[in-house]
Amino acid sequence: MLKNRADIDLLRVIRMLSIHDLVEIEAGDTFLFDEEAMVGKFEREKNFSTENFRNS
């Protein structure tokens, strides 16, 4: 557990959020309760991630 806010690596948090957003922009932001859209969600996100972050 963090003892104070100074322990948070803000740059790392921003990078993680940016990567998350890039994947959702490409693969589609799927609403949690949309069961039809959830089909294949993992595969869409994984395909985009492996193609675009392979050399990162």
Protein backbone atom coordinates (compact mmCIF):
# COMPACT_ATOMS: atom_id res chain seq x y z
CA MET A 1 0.00 0.00 0.00
CA LEU A 2 1.20 3.47 -0.80
CA LYS A 3 2.22 5.53 2.19
CA ASN A 4 1.82 8.81 0.34
CA ARG A 5 1.13 10.23 -3.09
CA ALA A 6 4.82 10.80 -3.72
CA ASP A 7 5.19 7.02 -4.16
CA ILE A 8 3.03 7.10 -7.32
CA ASP A 9 4.98 7.04 -10.58
CA LEU A 10 2.77 9.48 -12.48
CA LEU A 11 4.58 8.99 -15.78
CA ARG A 12 3.98 5.22 -15.57
CA VAL A 13 0.30 5.78 -14.83
CA ILE A 14 -0.05 8.10 -17.84
CA ARG A 15 1.71 5.58 -20.10
CA MET A 16 -0.57 2.76 -18.94
CA LEU A 17 -3.69 4.86 -19.48
CA SER A 18 -2.50 5.91 -22.93
CA ILE A 19 -1.86 2.32 -24.00
CA HIS A 20 -5.26 1.29 -22.66
CA ASP A 21 -6.95 4.09 -24.60
CA LEU A 22 -5.09 3.30 -27.84
CA VAL A 23 -6.23 -0.31 -27.69
CA GLU A 24 -9.83 0.69 -27.01
CA ILE A 25 -9.79 3.25 -29.83
CA GLU A 26 -8.71 0.58 -32.30
CA ALA A 27 -10.53 -2.47 -30.91
CA GLY A 28 -13.61 -0.58 -29.78
CA ASP A 29 -14.71 0.48 -26.34
CA THR A 30 -17.09 -2.30 -25.33
CA PHE A 31 -19.84 -1.62 -22.82
CA LEU A 32 -19.62 -4.17 -20.01
CA PHE A 33 -23.24 -5.32 -20.28
CA ASP A 34 -23.34 -5.55 -24.10
CA GLU A 35 -23.03 -9.33 -24.38
CA GLU A 36 -22.96 -9.35 -28.19
CA ALA A 37 -20.14 -6.80 -28.37
CA MET A 38 -18.19 -8.66 -25.68
CA VAL A 39 -17.86 -11.66 -28.02
CA GLY A 40 -14.34 -11.51 -29.44
CA LYS A 41 -13.34 -8.49 -27.34
CA PHE A 42 -10.26 -10.16 -25.88
CA GLU A 43 -9.10 -11.33 -29.31
CA ARG A 44 -9.62 -7.88 -30.90
CA GLU A 45 -7.63 -6.20 -28.14
CA LYS A 46 -4.91 -8.84 -28.15
CA ASN A 47 -4.51 -8.68 -31.93
CA PHE A 48 -4.15 -4.91 -31.91
CA SER A 49 -1.72 -5.02 -28.97
CA THR A 50 0.55 -7.66 -30.45
CA GLU A 51 0.63 -5.96 -33.85
CA ASN A 52 1.32 -2.49 -32.54
CA PHE A 53 3.36 -3.00 -29.37
CA ARG A 54 5.51 -5.89 -30.55
CA ASN A 55 8.75 -3.89 -30.54
CA SER A 56 8.01 -1.71 -27.53
